[in-house]
Amino acid sequence: MANNSDQAWYAVSSDDKAAFDRAIAAATERAQQAVLEAVAAHRRHGRPVYFVDAAGRLVKELPDGRRLEIQLDKNDREIEIAELAPAA
């Protein structure tokens, strides 16, 4: 359960721009941390991680580190397009 400081940003008025900006920054930071934790958990459990890269490609990163560009067909089955270079 969240403590009061975790919930405080919900009560910020959008009329208080500085407080609102701080609340948005805090929420963004929490969201980014949650994504990093989820990705780490997927990797620990040997599951692939899916994301869209900077070039707009749907990428499936396998537990062994290989990265595949994929597409989904009309039945949502994966179609491998190409193996991509390892992450830098």
C-alpha atoms as a PDB file:
ATOM      1  CA  MET A   1       0.000   0.000   0.000  1.00  0.00           C
ATOM      2  CA  ALA A   2       1.264   3.482  -0.870  1.00  0.00           C
ATOM      3  CA  ASN A   3       2.089   5.902   1.900  1.00  0.00           C
ATOM      4  CA  ASN A   4       0.756   9.466   2.106  1.00  0.00           C
ATOM      5  CA  SER A   5       3.736  10.967   0.291  1.00  0.00           C
ATOM      6  CA  ASP A   6       3.066   8.630  -2.670  1.00  0.00           C
ATOM      7  CA  GLN A   7      -0.538   9.827  -2.835  1.00  0.00           C
ATOM      8  CA  ALA A   8       0.084  13.536  -2.261  1.00  0.00           C
ATOM      9  CA  TRP A   9       0.590  14.374  -5.908  1.00  0.00           C
ATOM     10  CA  TYR A  10      -3.031  13.443  -6.683  1.00  0.00           C
ATOM     11  CA  ALA A  11      -4.264  16.452  -4.696  1.00  0.00           C
ATOM     12  CA  VAL A  12      -2.195  19.031  -6.587  1.00  0.00           C
ATOM     13  CA  SER A  13      -4.181  21.773  -8.270  1.00  0.00           C
ATOM     14  CA  SER A  14      -3.363  22.465 -11.900  1.00  0.00           C
ATOM     15  CA  ASP A  15      -3.571  26.152 -10.944  1.00  0.00           C
ATOM     16  CA  ASP A  16      -0.285  25.769  -9.038  1.00  0.00           C
ATOM     17  CA  LYS A  17       1.997  25.274 -12.050  1.00  0.00           C
ATOM     18  CA  ALA A  18       5.195  24.596 -10.104  1.00  0.00           C
ATOM     19  CA  ALA A  19       3.527  22.007  -7.873  1.00  0.00           C
ATOM     20  CA  PHE A  20       1.739  20.494 -10.858  1.00  0.00           C
ATOM     21  CA  ASP A  21       5.039  20.226 -12.788  1.00  0.00           C
ATOM     22  CA  ARG A  22       6.690  18.548  -9.774  1.00  0.00           C
ATOM     23  CA  ALA A  23       3.802  16.090  -9.522  1.00  0.00           C
ATOM     24  CA  ILE A  24       4.042  15.238 -13.213  1.00  0.00           C
ATOM     25  CA  ALA A  25       7.812  14.728 -12.923  1.00  0.00           C
ATOM     26  CA  ALA A  26       7.340  12.467  -9.882  1.00  0.00           C
ATOM     27  CA  ALA A  27       4.639  10.424 -11.639  1.00  0.00           C
ATOM     28  CA  THR A  28       6.821  10.085 -14.727  1.00  0.00           C
ATOM     29  CA  GLU A  29       9.749   8.892 -12.628  1.00  0.00           C
ATOM     30  CA  ARG A  30       7.566   6.296 -10.880  1.00  0.00           C
ATOM     31  CA  ALA A  31       6.210   5.063 -14.222  1.00  0.00           C
ATOM     32  CA  GLN A  32       9.699   4.748 -15.709  1.00  0.00           C
ATOM     33  CA  GLN A  33      10.887   2.826 -12.642  1.00  0.00           C
ATOM     34  CA  ALA A  34       7.906   0.456 -12.909  1.00  0.00           C
ATOM     35  CA  VAL A  35       8.749  -0.268 -16.560  1.00  0.00           C
ATOM     36  CA  LEU A  36      12.400  -0.973 -15.701  1.00  0.00           C
ATOM     37  CA  GLU A  37      11.318  -3.346 -12.918  1.00  0.00           C
ATOM     38  CA  ALA A  38       8.890  -5.170 -15.233  1.00  0.00           C
ATOM     39  CA  VAL A  39      11.549  -5.577 -17.938  1.00  0.00           C
ATOM     40  CA  ALA A  40      14.037  -6.898 -15.364  1.00  0.00           C
ATOM     41  CA  ALA A  41      11.448  -9.391 -14.079  1.00  0.00           C
ATOM     42  CA  HIS A  42      10.754 -10.631 -17.616  1.00  0.00           C
ATOM     43  CA  ARG A  43      14.474 -11.144 -18.189  1.00  0.00           C
ATOM     44  CA  ARG A  44      14.943 -12.929 -14.841  1.00  0.00           C
ATOM     45  CA  HIS A  45      12.146 -15.338 -15.746  1.00  0.00           C
ATOM     46  CA  GLY A  46      13.528 -15.994 -19.240  1.00  0.00           C
ATOM     47  CA  ARG A  47      10.680 -14.254 -21.057  1.00  0.00           C
ATOM     48  CA  PRO A  48      11.082 -12.057 -24.142  1.00  0.00           C
ATOM     49  CA  VAL A  49      10.655  -8.297 -23.940  1.00  0.00           C
ATOM     50  CA  TYR A  50       8.708  -6.461 -26.642  1.00  0.00           C
ATOM     51  CA  PHE A  51       9.137  -2.789 -27.530  1.00  0.00           C
ATOM     52  CA  VAL A  52       9.058  -0.328 -30.398  1.00  0.00           C
ATOM     53  CA  ASP A  53      12.523   0.996 -31.210  1.00  0.00           C
ATOM     54  CA  ALA A  54      13.545   4.485 -32.361  1.00  0.00           C
ATOM     55  CA  ALA A  55      13.062   3.424 -35.987  1.00  0.00           C
ATOM     56  CA  GLY A  56       9.449   2.460 -35.265  1.00  0.00           C
ATOM     57  CA  ARG A  57      10.043  -1.297 -35.537  1.00  0.00           C
ATOM     58  CA  LEU A  58       8.311  -3.808 -33.278  1.00  0.00           C
ATOM     59  CA  VAL A  59      11.198  -5.616 -31.580  1.00  0.00           C
ATOM     60  CA  LYS A  60      11.219  -8.878 -29.660  1.00  0.00           C
ATOM     61  CA  GLU A  61      14.298  -9.161 -27.458  1.00  0.00           C
ATOM     62  CA  LEU A  62      14.939 -12.771 -26.542  1.00  0.00           C
ATOM     63  CA  PRO A  63      16.356 -13.915 -23.191  1.00  0.00           C
ATOM     64  CA  ASP A  64      19.694 -14.675 -24.874  1.00  0.00           C
ATOM     65  CA  GLY A  65      19.952 -11.021 -25.981  1.00  0.00           C
ATOM     66  CA  ARG A  66      19.098 -11.522 -29.642  1.00  0.00           C
ATOM     67  CA  ARG A  67      16.729  -8.930 -31.065  1.00  0.00           C
ATOM     68  CA  LEU A  68      14.210  -9.683 -33.790  1.00  0.00           C
ATOM     69  CA  GLU A  69      12.111  -7.299 -35.816  1.00  0.00           C
ATOM     70  CA  ILE A  70       8.642  -8.791 -35.922  1.00  0.00           C
ATOM     71  CA  GLN A  71       5.199  -8.021 -37.254  1.00  0.00           C
ATOM     72  CA  LEU A  72       1.859  -9.464 -36.273  1.00  0.00           C
ATOM     73  CA  ASP A  73      -0.421 -11.026 -38.868  1.00  0.00           C
ATOM     74  CA  LYS A  74      -4.202 -10.545 -38.852  1.00  0.00           C
ATOM     75  CA  ASN A  75      -4.491 -13.381 -36.291  1.00  0.00           C
ATOM     76  CA  ASP A  76      -1.860 -11.774 -34.026  1.00  0.00           C
ATOM     77  CA  ARG A  77       0.751 -14.411 -34.824  1.00  0.00           C
ATOM     78  CA  GLU A  78       4.333 -13.210 -34.915  1.00  0.00           C
ATOM     79  CA  ILE A  79       6.129 -12.998 -38.229  1.00  0.00           C
ATOM     80  CA  GLU A  80       9.927 -12.644 -37.983  1.00  0.00           C
ATOM     81  CA  ILE A  81      11.125  -9.962 -40.374  1.00  0.00           C
ATOM     82  CA  ALA A  82      14.836  -9.785 -39.547  1.00  0.00           C
ATOM     83  CA  GLU A  83      17.398 -10.334 -36.828  1.00  0.00           C
ATOM     84  CA  LEU A  84      18.672  -6.974 -35.614  1.00  0.00           C
ATOM     85  CA  ALA A  85      22.083  -5.958 -34.349  1.00  0.00           C
ATOM     86  CA  PRO A  86      22.616  -6.425 -30.600  1.00  0.00           C
ATOM     87  CA  ALA A  87      21.785  -3.504 -28.350  1.00  0.00           C
ATOM     88  CA  ALA A  88      24.682  -1.080 -27.899  1.00  0.00           C
END
